[in-house]
Structures are given as C-alpha cells and as structure tokens.
Amino acid sequence: MSYSSEKKPAKLCYEHIGGKLGSLLLEQFVLKGWLAKETAGDKNFYITDKGIAEFTKLGVDLSQIKS
C-alpha cells in the first residue's frame, strides 16, 4: 500500500475526530467488529468486547469514556 506525501487533514470537532478520517476510522472499526449497534436503526454505537481488547492493545484508555 502506498501513501502520498501530501498532508491530509484530520479534523477535530469538539472532542472527536471528524471529517473523512473520522468516517474512515468508524467504517473500519465496524468492519473489524470493534464497534457495533444494538439494532441497525440505532444512532449510537457501542464498543464490543473485541473492541475493548483491541483498543486496549493500542493503548487507548477507555476509562476516559463516559457510559
């Protein structure tokens, strides 16, 4: 896989990553089974058990997220 040396934006919106990067991350986290919805119509996602394990491996402190 090759990457362009051109700088790509990583937009912050309040306290989250927005823009295309945020959309791509969300898509991959869902495809990998790290995030899911209770039902397809739900607005919000939850972190799955697999996601907890994988985010923790990456050094993400999930205790910072409110329930």
PDB file of N, CA and C in Angstrom:
ATOM      1  N   MET A   1       0.855  -1.166   0.000  1.00  0.00           N
ATOM      2  CA  MET A   1       0.000   0.000   0.000  1.00  0.00           C
ATOM      3  C   MET A   1       0.900   1.227   0.000  1.00  0.00           C
ATOM      4  N   SER A   2       0.643   2.171  -0.878  1.00  0.00           N
ATOM      5  CA  SER A   2       1.448   3.386  -0.922  1.00  0.00           C
ATOM      6  C   SER A   2       0.628   4.571  -0.444  1.00  0.00           C
ATOM      7  N   TYR A   3       1.314   5.517   0.146  1.00  0.00           N
ATOM      8  CA  TYR A   3       0.666   6.715   0.657  1.00  0.00           C
ATOM      9  C   TYR A   3       1.309   7.935   0.044  1.00  0.00           C
ATOM     10  N   SER A   4       0.525   8.932  -0.230  1.00  0.00           N
ATOM     11  CA  SER A   4       1.022  10.190  -0.759  1.00  0.00           C
ATOM     12  C   SER A   4       1.718  10.965   0.360  1.00  0.00           C
ATOM     13  N   SER A   5       2.761  11.695   0.005  1.00  0.00           N
ATOM     14  CA  SER A   5       3.431  12.525   0.997  1.00  0.00           C
ATOM     15  C   SER A   5       2.664  13.828   1.234  1.00  0.00           C
ATOM     16  N   GLU A   6       1.610  14.046   0.451  1.00  0.00           N
ATOM     17  CA  GLU A   6       0.771  15.228   0.626  1.00  0.00           C
ATOM     18  C   GLU A   6       0.077  15.154   1.984  1.00  0.00           C
ATOM     19  N   LYS A   7       0.046  16.273   2.702  1.00  0.00           N
ATOM     20  CA  LYS A   7      -0.606  16.298   4.017  1.00  0.00           C
ATOM     21  C   LYS A   7      -2.111  16.151   3.852  1.00  0.00           C
ATOM     22  N   LYS A   8      -2.701  15.307   4.678  1.00  0.00           N
ATOM     23  CA  LYS A   8      -4.143  15.081   4.676  1.00  0.00           C
ATOM     24  C   LYS A   8      -4.725  15.671   5.957  1.00  0.00           C
ATOM     25  N   PRO A   9      -5.901  16.274   5.898  1.00  0.00           N
ATOM     26  CA  PRO A   9      -6.484  16.864   7.102  1.00  0.00           C
ATOM     27  C   PRO A   9      -7.050  15.807   8.053  1.00  0.00           C
ATOM     28  N   ALA A  10      -6.906  16.050   9.324  1.00  0.00           N
ATOM     29  CA  ALA A  10      -7.535  15.251  10.373  1.00  0.00           C
ATOM     30  C   ALA A  10      -8.276  16.255  11.246  1.00  0.00           C
ATOM     31  N   LYS A  11      -9.553  16.434  10.969  1.00  0.00           N
ATOM     32  CA  LYS A  11     -10.339  17.494  11.600  1.00  0.00           C
ATOM     33  C   LYS A  11     -10.828  17.090  12.986  1.00  0.00           C
ATOM     34  N   LEU A  12     -10.739  18.024  13.908  1.00  0.00           N
ATOM     35  CA  LEU A  12     -11.322  17.848  15.233  1.00  0.00           C
ATOM     36  C   LEU A  12     -12.635  18.599  15.280  1.00  0.00           C
ATOM     37  N   CYS A  13     -13.635  17.985  15.858  1.00  0.00           N
ATOM     38  CA  CYS A  13     -14.940  18.608  16.039  1.00  0.00           C
ATOM     39  C   CYS A  13     -15.306  18.386  17.504  1.00  0.00           C
ATOM     40  N   TYR A  14     -15.231  19.429  18.296  1.00  0.00           N
ATOM     41  CA  TYR A  14     -15.410  19.331  19.742  1.00  0.00           C
ATOM     42  C   TYR A  14     -14.372  18.357  20.271  1.00  0.00           C
ATOM     43  N   GLU A  15     -14.784  17.208  20.783  1.00  0.00           N
ATOM     44  CA  GLU A  15     -13.828  16.266  21.374  1.00  0.00           C
ATOM     45  C   GLU A  15     -13.718  14.978  20.563  1.00  0.00           C
ATOM     46  N   HIS A  16     -13.975  15.041  19.265  1.00  0.00           N
ATOM     47  CA  HIS A  16     -13.867  13.830  18.446  1.00  0.00           C
ATOM     48  C   HIS A  16     -13.238  14.146  17.095  1.00  0.00           C
ATOM     49  N   ILE A  17     -12.807  13.107  16.420  1.00  0.00           N
ATOM     50  CA  ILE A  17     -12.252  13.264  15.077  1.00  0.00           C
ATOM     51  C   ILE A  17     -13.406  13.297  14.096  1.00  0.00           C
ATOM     52  N   GLY A  18     -13.434  14.316  13.267  1.00  0.00           N
ATOM     53  CA  GLY A  18     -14.489  14.455  12.271  1.00  0.00           C
ATOM     54  C   GLY A  18     -13.933  14.310  10.866  1.00  0.00           C
ATOM     55  N   GLY A  19     -14.730  14.701   9.914  1.00  0.00           N
ATOM     56  CA  GLY A  19     -14.300  14.683   8.520  1.00  0.00           C
ATOM     57  C   GLY A  19     -14.119  13.284   7.969  1.00  0.00           C
ATOM     58  N   LYS A  20     -13.401  13.202   6.867  1.00  0.00           N
ATOM     59  CA  LYS A  20     -13.199  11.929   6.168  1.00  0.00           C
ATOM     60  C   LYS A  20     -12.435  10.931   7.027  1.00  0.00           C
ATOM     61  N   LEU A  21     -11.417  11.389   7.775  1.00  0.00           N
ATOM     62  CA  LEU A  21     -10.661  10.468   8.630  1.00  0.00           C
ATOM     63  C   LEU A  21     -11.571   9.817   9.654  1.00  0.00           C
ATOM     64  N   GLY A  22     -12.425  10.616  10.294  1.00  0.00           N
ATOM     65  CA  GLY A  22     -13.358  10.063  11.270  1.00  0.00           C
ATOM     66  C   GLY A  22     -14.286   9.035  10.643  1.00  0.00           C
ATOM     67  N   SER A  23     -14.774   9.326   9.441  1.00  0.00           N
ATOM     68  CA  SER A  23     -15.662   8.400   8.732  1.00  0.00           C
ATOM     69  C   SER A  23     -14.945   7.096   8.389  1.00  0.00           C
ATOM     70  N   LEU A  24     -13.699   7.208   7.919  1.00  0.00           N
ATOM     71  CA  LEU A  24     -12.928   6.011   7.564  1.00  0.00           C
ATOM     72  C   LEU A  24     -12.608   5.164   8.795  1.00  0.00           C
ATOM     73  N   LEU A  25     -12.265   5.819   9.905  1.00  0.00           N
ATOM     74  CA  LEU A  25     -11.992   5.072  11.136  1.00  0.00           C
ATOM     75  C   LEU A  25     -13.251   4.339  11.598  1.00  0.00           C
ATOM     76  N   LEU A  26     -14.379   5.034  11.626  1.00  0.00           N
ATOM     77  CA  LEU A  26     -15.625   4.402  12.052  1.00  0.00           C
ATOM     78  C   LEU A  26     -15.937   3.191  11.182  1.00  0.00           C
ATOM     79  N   GLU A  27     -15.812   3.348   9.881  1.00  0.00           N
ATOM     80  CA  GLU A  27     -16.094   2.246   8.960  1.00  0.00           C
ATOM     81  C   GLU A  27     -15.214   1.027   9.265  1.00  0.00           C
ATOM     82  N   GLN A  28     -13.940   1.248   9.486  1.00  0.00           N
ATOM     83  CA  GLN A  28     -13.030   0.142   9.761  1.00  0.00           C
ATOM     84  C   GLN A  28     -13.302  -0.495  11.124  1.00  0.00           C
ATOM     85  N   PHE A  29     -13.609   0.320  12.131  1.00  0.00           N
ATOM     86  CA  PHE A  29     -13.909  -0.228  13.455  1.00  0.00           C
ATOM     87  C   PHE A  29     -15.158  -1.102  13.416  1.00  0.00           C
ATOM     88  N   VAL A  30     -16.145  -0.719  12.619  1.00  0.00           N
ATOM     89  CA  VAL A  30     -17.357  -1.529  12.469  1.00  0.00           C
ATOM     90  C   VAL A  30     -17.029  -2.818  11.705  1.00  0.00           C
ATOM     91  N   LEU A  31     -16.292  -2.695  10.596  1.00  0.00           N
ATOM     92  CA  LEU A  31     -15.923  -3.882   9.800  1.00  0.00           C
ATOM     93  C   LEU A  31     -15.108  -4.883  10.608  1.00  0.00           C
ATOM     94  N   LYS A  32     -14.251  -4.381  11.492  1.00  0.00           N
ATOM     95  CA  LYS A  32     -13.411  -5.255  12.314  1.00  0.00           C
ATOM     96  C   LYS A  32     -14.160  -5.811  13.530  1.00  0.00           C
ATOM     97  N   GLY A  33     -15.382  -5.305  13.766  1.00  0.00           N
ATOM     98  CA  GLY A  33     -16.165  -5.778  14.899  1.00  0.00           C
ATOM     99  C   GLY A  33     -15.801  -5.132  16.214  1.00  0.00           C
ATOM    100  N   TRP A  34     -15.127  -3.996  16.149  1.00  0.00           N
ATOM    101  CA  TRP A  34     -14.743  -3.286  17.368  1.00  0.00           C
ATOM    102  C   TRP A  34     -15.880  -2.408  17.877  1.00  0.00           C
ATOM    103  N   LEU A  35     -16.717  -1.934  16.959  1.00  0.00           N
ATOM    104  CA  LEU A  35     -17.890  -1.127  17.291  1.00  0.00           C
ATOM    105  C   LEU A  35     -19.105  -1.765  16.642  1.00  0.00           C
ATOM    106  N   ALA A  36     -20.256  -1.615  17.282  1.00  0.00           N
ATOM    107  CA  ALA A  36     -21.495  -2.180  16.737  1.00  0.00           C
ATOM    108  C   ALA A  36     -22.671  -1.354  17.244  1.00  0.00           C
ATOM    109  N   LYS A  37     -23.831  -1.656  16.697  1.00  0.00           N
ATOM    110  CA  LYS A  37     -25.097  -1.063  17.142  1.00  0.00           C
ATOM    111  C   LYS A  37     -25.972  -2.191  17.676  1.00  0.00           C
ATOM    112  N   GLU A  38     -26.838  -1.866  18.621  1.00  0.00           N
ATOM    113  CA  GLU A  38     -27.801  -2.857  19.122  1.00  0.00           C
ATOM    114  C   GLU A  38     -28.732  -3.272  17.985  1.00  0.00           C
ATOM    115  N   THR A  39     -29.271  -2.273  17.264  1.00  0.00           N
ATOM    116  CA  THR A  39     -30.106  -2.529  16.100  1.00  0.00           C
ATOM    117  C   THR A  39     -29.641  -1.607  14.975  1.00  0.00           C
ATOM    118  N   ALA A  40     -29.924  -1.979  13.745  1.00  0.00           N
ATOM    119  CA  ALA A  40     -29.474  -1.198  12.593  1.00  0.00           C
ATOM    120  C   ALA A  40     -29.967   0.246  12.640  1.00  0.00           C
ATOM    121  N   GLY A  41     -31.133   0.474  13.209  1.00  0.00           N
ATOM    122  CA  GLY A  41     -31.701   1.811  13.268  1.00  0.00           C
ATOM    123  C   GLY A  41     -31.147   2.695  14.371  1.00  0.00           C
ATOM    124  N   ASP A  42     -30.328   2.139  15.251  1.00  0.00           N
ATOM    125  CA  ASP A  42     -29.765   2.932  16.351  1.00  0.00           C
ATOM    126  C   ASP A  42     -28.857   4.032  15.823  1.00  0.00           C
ATOM    127  N   LYS A  43     -28.863   5.146  16.514  1.00  0.00           N
ATOM    128  CA  LYS A  43     -27.996   6.273  16.154  1.00  0.00           C
ATOM    129  C   LYS A  43     -26.577   6.054  16.685  1.00  0.00           C
ATOM    130  N   ASN A  44     -26.468   5.483  17.857  1.00  0.00           N
ATOM    131  CA  ASN A  44     -25.180   5.351  18.533  1.00  0.00           C
ATOM    132  C   ASN A  44     -24.600   3.944  18.436  1.00  0.00           C
ATOM    133  N   PHE A  45     -23.280   3.885  18.526  1.00  0.00           N
ATOM    134  CA  PHE A  45     -22.537   2.628  18.534  1.00  0.00           C
ATOM    135  C   PHE A  45     -22.096   2.315  19.952  1.00  0.00           C
ATOM    136  N   TYR A  46     -21.728   1.069  20.200  1.00  0.00           N
ATOM    137  CA  TYR A  46     -21.104   0.702  21.463  1.00  0.00           C
ATOM    138  C   TYR A  46     -19.811  -0.050  21.152  1.00  0.00           C
ATOM    139  N   ILE A  47     -18.912  -0.074  22.120  1.00  0.00           N
ATOM    140  CA  ILE A  47     -17.644  -0.788  21.952  1.00  0.00           C
ATOM    141  C   ILE A  47     -17.883  -2.241  22.339  1.00  0.00           C
ATOM    142  N   THR A  48     -17.574  -3.139  21.425  1.00  0.00           N
ATOM    143  CA  THR A  48     -17.764  -4.567  21.663  1.00  0.00           C
ATOM    144  C   THR A  48     -16.647  -5.098  22.563  1.00  0.00           C
ATOM    145  N   ASP A  49     -16.800  -6.337  23.035  1.00  0.00           N
ATOM    146  CA  ASP A  49     -15.738  -6.959  23.825  1.00  0.00           C
ATOM    147  C   ASP A  49     -14.443  -7.032  23.013  1.00  0.00           C
ATOM    148  N   LYS A  50     -14.575  -7.362  21.721  1.00  0.00           N
ATOM    149  CA  LYS A  50     -13.399  -7.398  20.849  1.00  0.00           C
ATOM    150  C   LYS A  50     -12.783  -6.004  20.757  1.00  0.00           C
ATOM    151  N   GLY A  51     -13.624  -4.998  20.623  1.00  0.00           N
ATOM    152  CA  GLY A  51     -13.146  -3.621  20.553  1.00  0.00           C
ATOM    153  C   GLY A  51     -12.413  -3.209  21.817  1.00  0.00           C
ATOM    154  N   ILE A  52     -12.942  -3.593  22.967  1.00  0.00           N
ATOM    155  CA  ILE A  52     -12.274  -3.284  24.239  1.00  0.00           C
ATOM    156  C   ILE A  52     -10.862  -3.865  24.238  1.00  0.00           C
ATOM    157  N   ALA A  53     -10.748  -5.121  23.834  1.00  0.00           N
ATOM    158  CA  ALA A  53      -9.431  -5.770  23.796  1.00  0.00           C
ATOM    159  C   ALA A  53      -8.500  -5.086  22.809  1.00  0.00           C
ATOM    160  N   GLU A  54      -8.998  -4.795  21.607  1.00  0.00           N
ATOM    161  CA  GLU A  54      -8.141  -4.220  20.562  1.00  0.00           C
ATOM    162  C   GLU A  54      -7.762  -2.767  20.850  1.00  0.00           C
ATOM    163  N   PHE A  55      -8.709  -1.956  21.322  1.00  0.00           N
ATOM    164  CA  PHE A  55      -8.379  -0.574  21.661  1.00  0.00           C
ATOM    165  C   PHE A  55      -7.372  -0.542  22.816  1.00  0.00           C
ATOM    166  N   THR A  56      -7.534  -1.447  23.775  1.00  0.00           N
ATOM    167  CA  THR A  56      -6.600  -1.523  24.898  1.00  0.00           C
ATOM    168  C   THR A  56      -5.199  -1.883  24.414  1.00  0.00           C
ATOM    169  N   LYS A  57      -5.097  -2.828  23.461  1.00  0.00           N
ATOM    170  CA  LYS A  57      -3.791  -3.171  22.875  1.00  0.00           C
ATOM    171  C   LYS A  57      -3.126  -1.968  22.232  1.00  0.00           C
ATOM    172  N   LEU A  58      -3.943  -1.065  21.670  1.00  0.00           N
ATOM    173  CA  LEU A  58      -3.421   0.135  21.017  1.00  0.00           C
ATOM    174  C   LEU A  58      -3.055   1.232  22.032  1.00  0.00           C
ATOM    175  N   GLY A  59      -3.355   0.989  23.290  1.00  0.00           N
ATOM    176  CA  GLY A  59      -3.039   1.970  24.323  1.00  0.00           C
ATOM    177  C   GLY A  59      -4.135   2.998  24.544  1.00  0.00           C
ATOM    178  N   VAL A  60      -5.336   2.737  24.041  1.00  0.00           N
ATOM    179  CA  VAL A  60      -6.453   3.656  24.232  1.00  0.00           C
ATOM    180  C   VAL A  60      -7.027   3.440  25.638  1.00  0.00           C
ATOM    181  N   ASP A  61      -7.084   4.503  26.420  1.00  0.00           N
ATOM    182  CA  ASP A  61      -7.604   4.444  27.794  1.00  0.00           C
ATOM    183  C   ASP A  61      -9.116   4.596  27.736  1.00  0.00           C
ATOM    184  N   LEU A  62      -9.825   3.487  27.722  1.00  0.00           N
ATOM    185  CA  LEU A  62     -11.284   3.513  27.598  1.00  0.00           C
ATOM    186  C   LEU A  62     -11.975   4.015  28.866  1.00  0.00           C
ATOM    187  N   SER A  63     -11.247   4.107  29.969  1.00  0.00           N
ATOM    188  CA  SER A  63     -11.849   4.627  31.206  1.00  0.00           C
ATOM    189  C   SER A  63     -12.195   6.111  31.055  1.00  0.00           C
ATOM    190  N   GLN A  64     -11.661   6.762  30.015  1.00  0.00           N
ATOM    191  CA  GLN A  64     -11.933   8.173  29.770  1.00  0.00           C
ATOM    192  C   GLN A  64     -13.321   8.373  29.127  1.00  0.00           C
ATOM    193  N   ILE A  65     -13.950   7.299  28.679  1.00  0.00           N
ATOM    194  CA  ILE A  65     -15.249   7.379  28.005  1.00  0.00           C
ATOM    195  C   ILE A  65     -16.360   7.194  29.025  1.00  0.00           C
ATOM    196  N   LYS A  66     -17.292   8.126  29.033  1.00  0.00           N
ATOM    197  CA  LYS A  66     -18.437   8.019  29.946  1.00  0.00           C
ATOM    198  C   LYS A  66     -19.398   6.961  29.426  1.00  0.00           C
ATOM    199  N   SER A  67     -20.041   6.248  30.341  1.00  0.00           N
ATOM    200  CA  SER A  67     -21.038   5.230  29.954  1.00  0.00           C
ATOM    201  C   SER A  67     -22.286   5.873  29.431  1.00  0.00           C
TER     202      SER A  67
END
